[in-house]
């Protein structure tokens, strides 16, 4: 099956691509002191942060998803492209391609999206972090989160029933194996295209250890939710 040719870049065009590339080039040439100074400038910048609490909150974890380049993430920063750490990803086969999405990361509640999503207000306009597994098909999770208003789905490979994925994204017969070129085949290529036509947001998979790094950065706490059970929630959601 061929990859879908949809393009998902809200507010993103050639000029922004060039700016992002130049930002990465500048970062590569900085030493540690210069990076820290740049980070502090971003946090103090009224222009970057005015009215953008989800961009510049000191406890917020921001993620930038760029098709074919994995993701970058950082905490309390304005632009993960400049300040972020890199993480490898594998896109869903029928996910939109040629996308760039940058937003705050928010944990879905319940974390496996096995029931009705309870934090739609927090997920709207954000990148939803959801766990693979829990007896729920990936497509079902994605559709729930898309309906909740998420602009992308970040799937953490906490699958236990089939062993999960290796570091190289060998994910077993259900999801498949990422090819050497990383792009010609996405995960879940064996699914039917017709089932995924309703999906309009990027969907990416990360290895369990990388996902855990991201979750640890989000400062979560286990909470028992009536009718759901034990879930991880961030400090912001507990307020």
Protein backbone atom coordinates (compact mmCIF):
# COMPACT_ATOMS: atom_id res chain seq x y z
CA UNK A 1 0.00 0.00 0.00
CA UNK A 2 1.28 3.47 -0.82
CA UNK A 3 1.77 6.30 1.64
CA UNK A 4 -0.92 8.94 1.78
CA UNK A 5 0.01 12.22 0.17
CA UNK A 6 -1.76 14.54 2.58
CA UNK A 7 0.09 17.59 3.79
CA UNK A 8 -0.37 18.77 7.41
CA UNK A 9 1.51 21.93 8.26
CA UNK A 10 -0.71 24.34 10.16
CA UNK A 11 0.83 27.79 9.55
CA UNK A 12 3.94 26.19 8.07
CA UNK A 13 5.38 26.91 4.65
CA UNK A 14 8.70 27.23 2.76
CA UNK A 15 9.73 30.35 4.71
CA UNK A 16 9.17 28.56 8.01
CA UNK A 17 11.08 25.51 6.76
CA UNK A 18 14.04 27.75 5.97
CA UNK A 19 13.81 29.45 9.36
CA UNK A 20 13.70 26.06 11.13
CA UNK A 21 16.71 24.83 9.15
CA UNK A 22 18.69 27.98 9.90
CA UNK A 23 17.78 27.70 13.60
CA UNK A 24 19.12 24.16 13.71
CA UNK A 25 22.32 25.31 11.96
CA UNK A 26 22.80 28.11 14.52
CA UNK A 27 22.24 25.67 17.39
CA UNK A 28 24.84 23.26 16.01
CA UNK A 29 27.43 26.05 16.09
CA UNK A 30 26.71 27.12 19.69
CA UNK A 31 28.66 26.04 22.75
CA UNK A 32 26.88 25.11 25.99
CA UNK A 33 27.03 28.62 27.44
CA UNK A 34 25.56 30.12 24.27
CA UNK A 35 22.75 27.54 24.25
CA UNK A 36 21.86 28.38 27.85
CA UNK A 37 21.89 32.11 27.09
CA UNK A 38 19.61 31.53 24.10
CA UNK A 39 17.25 29.43 26.24
CA UNK A 40 16.98 32.21 28.83
CA UNK A 41 16.35 34.79 26.12
CA UNK A 42 13.47 32.71 24.82
CA UNK A 43 11.95 32.37 28.28
CA UNK A 44 12.20 36.12 28.86
CA UNK A 45 11.00 37.17 25.42
CA UNK A 46 7.67 38.99 25.51
CA UNK A 47 7.41 38.65 21.74
CA UNK A 48 7.79 34.86 21.86
CA UNK A 49 5.67 34.25 24.93
CA UNK A 50 2.94 36.90 25.08
CA UNK A 51 -0.38 35.09 25.30
CA UNK A 52 1.31 31.74 24.64
CA UNK A 53 1.26 29.96 27.99
CA UNK A 54 1.40 26.61 26.24
CA UNK A 55 4.58 27.74 24.45
CA UNK A 56 6.58 29.17 27.29
CA UNK A 57 5.30 27.81 30.58
CA UNK A 58 8.27 26.77 32.67
CA UNK A 59 6.70 23.38 33.43
CA UNK A 60 5.38 22.75 29.90
CA UNK A 61 7.02 20.11 27.73
CA UNK A 62 6.95 21.14 24.08
CA UNK A 63 7.37 18.77 21.18
CA UNK A 64 8.14 19.43 17.54
CA UNK A 65 7.26 16.69 15.06
CA UNK A 66 8.87 16.99 11.64
CA UNK A 67 8.13 14.40 8.97
CA UNK A 68 11.15 12.19 8.36
CA UNK A 69 13.25 13.84 11.08
CA UNK A 70 11.82 12.37 14.28
CA UNK A 71 10.91 14.73 17.08
CA UNK A 72 12.60 17.23 19.33
CA UNK A 73 11.38 18.10 22.81
CA UNK A 74 12.24 20.45 25.64
CA UNK A 75 10.83 21.80 28.87
CA UNK A 76 10.09 25.44 29.56
CA UNK A 77 11.29 26.60 26.14
CA UNK A 78 9.74 28.53 23.27
CA UNK A 79 11.13 26.48 20.39
CA UNK A 80 12.13 22.81 20.68
CA UNK A 81 13.86 23.12 17.28
CA UNK A 82 16.49 25.33 18.88
CA UNK A 83 16.51 24.02 22.44
CA UNK A 84 15.26 20.45 22.21
CA UNK A 85 16.67 16.95 22.48
CA UNK A 86 16.10 14.53 19.60
CA UNK A 87 14.06 11.33 19.67
CA UNK A 88 13.63 8.73 16.92
CA UNK A 89 10.11 8.07 15.62
CA UNK A 90 8.26 5.92 13.10
CA UNK A 91 5.22 7.38 11.36
CA UNK A 92 1.99 5.47 10.80
CA UNK A 93 1.76 4.26 7.21
CA UNK A 94 -1.52 6.08 6.58
CA UNK A 95 -0.71 9.12 8.67
CA UNK A 96 -0.48 12.44 6.80
CA UNK A 97 3.01 13.08 5.44
CA UNK A 98 5.18 16.16 4.90
CA UNK A 99 3.99 17.56 8.22
CA UNK A 100 5.46 19.82 10.84
CA UNK A 101 3.62 20.26 14.14
CA UNK A 102 4.91 22.00 17.26
CA UNK A 103 2.84 22.18 20.43
CA UNK A 104 2.74 21.33 24.09
CA UNK A 105 2.64 17.60 24.90
CA UNK A 106 -0.31 16.45 27.02
CA UNK A 107 -0.98 12.97 28.38
CA UNK A 108 -4.28 11.45 27.32
CA UNK A 109 -6.55 10.41 30.18
CA UNK A 110 -7.05 7.48 30.35
CA UNK A 111 -3.44 6.91 29.28
CA UNK A 112 -4.34 4.02 26.95
CA UNK A 113 -7.46 5.80 25.66
CA UNK A 114 -9.36 2.64 26.51
CA UNK A 115 -12.40 4.67 27.54
CA UNK A 116 -13.84 8.07 26.77
CA UNK A 117 -11.15 10.77 26.78
CA UNK A 118 -11.58 12.81 29.96
CA UNK A 119 -9.22 15.73 29.31
CA UNK A 120 -10.37 17.00 25.92
CA UNK A 121 -10.02 20.60 27.06
CA UNK A 122 -6.32 20.11 27.81
CA UNK A 123 -5.72 18.14 24.59
CA UNK A 124 -7.25 20.70 22.24
CA UNK A 125 -4.51 22.21 20.09
CA UNK A 126 -1.87 20.04 21.78
CA UNK A 127 0.11 16.89 20.90
CA UNK A 128 -1.56 13.94 22.62
CA UNK A 129 0.72 11.41 24.31
CA UNK A 130 -0.99 8.03 24.55
CA UNK A 131 0.20 4.53 25.42
CA UNK A 132 0.07 1.68 22.93
CA UNK A 133 -1.73 -1.40 24.23
CA UNK A 134 -4.44 -1.69 26.83
CA UNK A 135 -6.53 -3.85 24.51
CA UNK A 136 -7.37 -0.87 22.27
CA UNK A 137 -6.53 -0.67 18.57
CA UNK A 138 -4.21 2.18 17.58
CA UNK A 139 -6.71 3.56 15.09
CA UNK A 140 -9.39 3.74 17.77
CA UNK A 141 -7.04 5.70 20.04
CA UNK A 142 -6.12 8.13 17.27
CA UNK A 143 -9.73 8.83 16.32
CA UNK A 144 -10.65 9.50 19.95
CA UNK A 145 -7.78 11.95 20.36
CA UNK A 146 -8.42 13.64 17.05
CA UNK A 147 -12.03 14.16 18.09
CA UNK A 148 -10.78 15.63 21.36
CA UNK A 149 -8.93 18.29 19.37
CA UNK A 150 -5.34 16.99 19.43
CA UNK A 151 -3.16 18.19 16.54
CA UNK A 152 -1.01 15.02 16.56
CA UNK A 153 -0.77 11.68 18.34
CA UNK A 154 2.46 10.52 19.94
CA UNK A 155 2.15 6.80 20.61
CA UNK A 156 4.42 5.37 23.33
CA UNK A 157 5.17 1.69 22.80
CA UNK A 158 4.05 0.33 26.17
CA UNK A 159 2.66 -2.79 24.50
CA UNK A 160 3.02 -5.96 26.55
CA UNK A 161 0.94 -8.58 24.74
CA UNK A 162 3.17 -8.94 21.66
CA UNK A 163 6.51 -7.85 23.10
CA UNK A 164 6.54 -4.34 21.71
CA UNK A 165 9.11 -2.83 19.35
CA UNK A 166 12.88 -3.06 19.27
CA UNK A 167 15.08 0.02 19.10
CA UNK A 168 15.11 -0.32 15.29
CA UNK A 169 11.29 -0.50 15.26
CA UNK A 170 10.88 -4.18 14.56
CA UNK A 171 7.37 -4.28 15.98
CA UNK A 172 6.19 -7.77 15.08
CA UNK A 173 3.63 -8.92 12.53
CA UNK A 174 0.89 -6.51 13.59
CA UNK A 175 2.75 -3.23 13.05
CA UNK A 176 5.62 -4.46 10.89
CA UNK A 177 9.25 -3.38 10.71
CA UNK A 178 10.63 0.00 9.74
CA UNK A 179 12.59 -0.22 6.47
CA UNK A 180 16.18 0.91 6.12
CA UNK A 181 15.16 4.13 4.36
CA UNK A 182 12.73 4.91 7.25
CA UNK A 183 10.12 6.38 4.86
CA UNK A 184 8.84 3.90 2.30
CA UNK A 185 6.78 1.96 4.84
CA UNK A 186 5.06 3.23 7.94
CA UNK A 187 3.77 1.14 10.82
CA UNK A 188 0.43 -0.64 10.50
CA UNK A 189 0.76 -0.79 6.70
CA UNK A 190 -1.31 -3.99 6.75
CA UNK A 191 -4.35 -1.96 7.82
CA UNK A 192 -6.88 -0.91 5.21
CA UNK A 193 -6.52 2.59 3.82
CA UNK A 194 -10.28 3.00 4.00
CA UNK A 195 -10.14 2.61 7.78
CA UNK A 196 -7.60 5.43 8.11
CA UNK A 197 -9.25 7.94 5.77
CA UNK A 198 -10.87 9.70 8.71
CA UNK A 199 -7.46 10.40 10.29
CA UNK A 200 -6.20 13.90 9.53
CA UNK A 201 -3.49 14.36 12.17
CA UNK A 202 0.08 12.99 12.23
CA UNK A 203 0.57 9.76 14.16
CA UNK A 204 4.05 8.72 15.29
CA UNK A 205 5.41 5.88 17.40
CA UNK A 206 8.30 6.12 19.87
CA UNK A 207 10.19 3.37 21.65
CA UNK A 208 9.14 2.68 25.24
CA UNK A 209 12.42 3.95 26.75
CA UNK A 210 12.21 7.21 24.79
CA UNK A 211 8.58 7.61 25.74
CA UNK A 212 9.52 7.12 29.38
CA UNK A 213 12.09 9.93 29.09
CA UNK A 214 9.38 12.25 27.83
CA UNK A 215 6.91 11.21 30.54
CA UNK A 216 9.53 11.66 33.27
CA UNK A 217 10.16 15.19 32.00
CA UNK A 218 6.43 15.91 32.22
CA UNK A 219 6.54 15.25 36.00
CA UNK A 220 3.63 12.86 36.31
CA UNK A 221 1.95 11.30 39.32
CA UNK A 222 -0.22 8.22 39.59
CA UNK A 223 -3.81 9.08 40.46
CA UNK A 224 -6.89 6.89 40.84
CA UNK A 225 -9.75 8.18 38.70
CA UNK A 226 -13.27 6.89 39.47
CA UNK A 227 -14.57 4.66 36.70
CA UNK A 228 -11.15 4.47 35.04
CA UNK A 229 -8.62 3.26 37.57
CA UNK A 230 -5.02 4.33 38.05
CA UNK A 231 -3.64 6.81 35.52
CA UNK A 232 -0.63 9.07 35.17
CA UNK A 233 -1.41 12.79 35.35
CA UNK A 234 0.84 15.85 35.18
CA UNK A 235 1.02 18.46 37.92
CA UNK A 236 -0.85 20.93 35.72
CA UNK A 237 -3.78 18.55 35.33
CA UNK A 238 -3.88 17.92 39.07
CA UNK A 239 -4.41 21.63 39.82
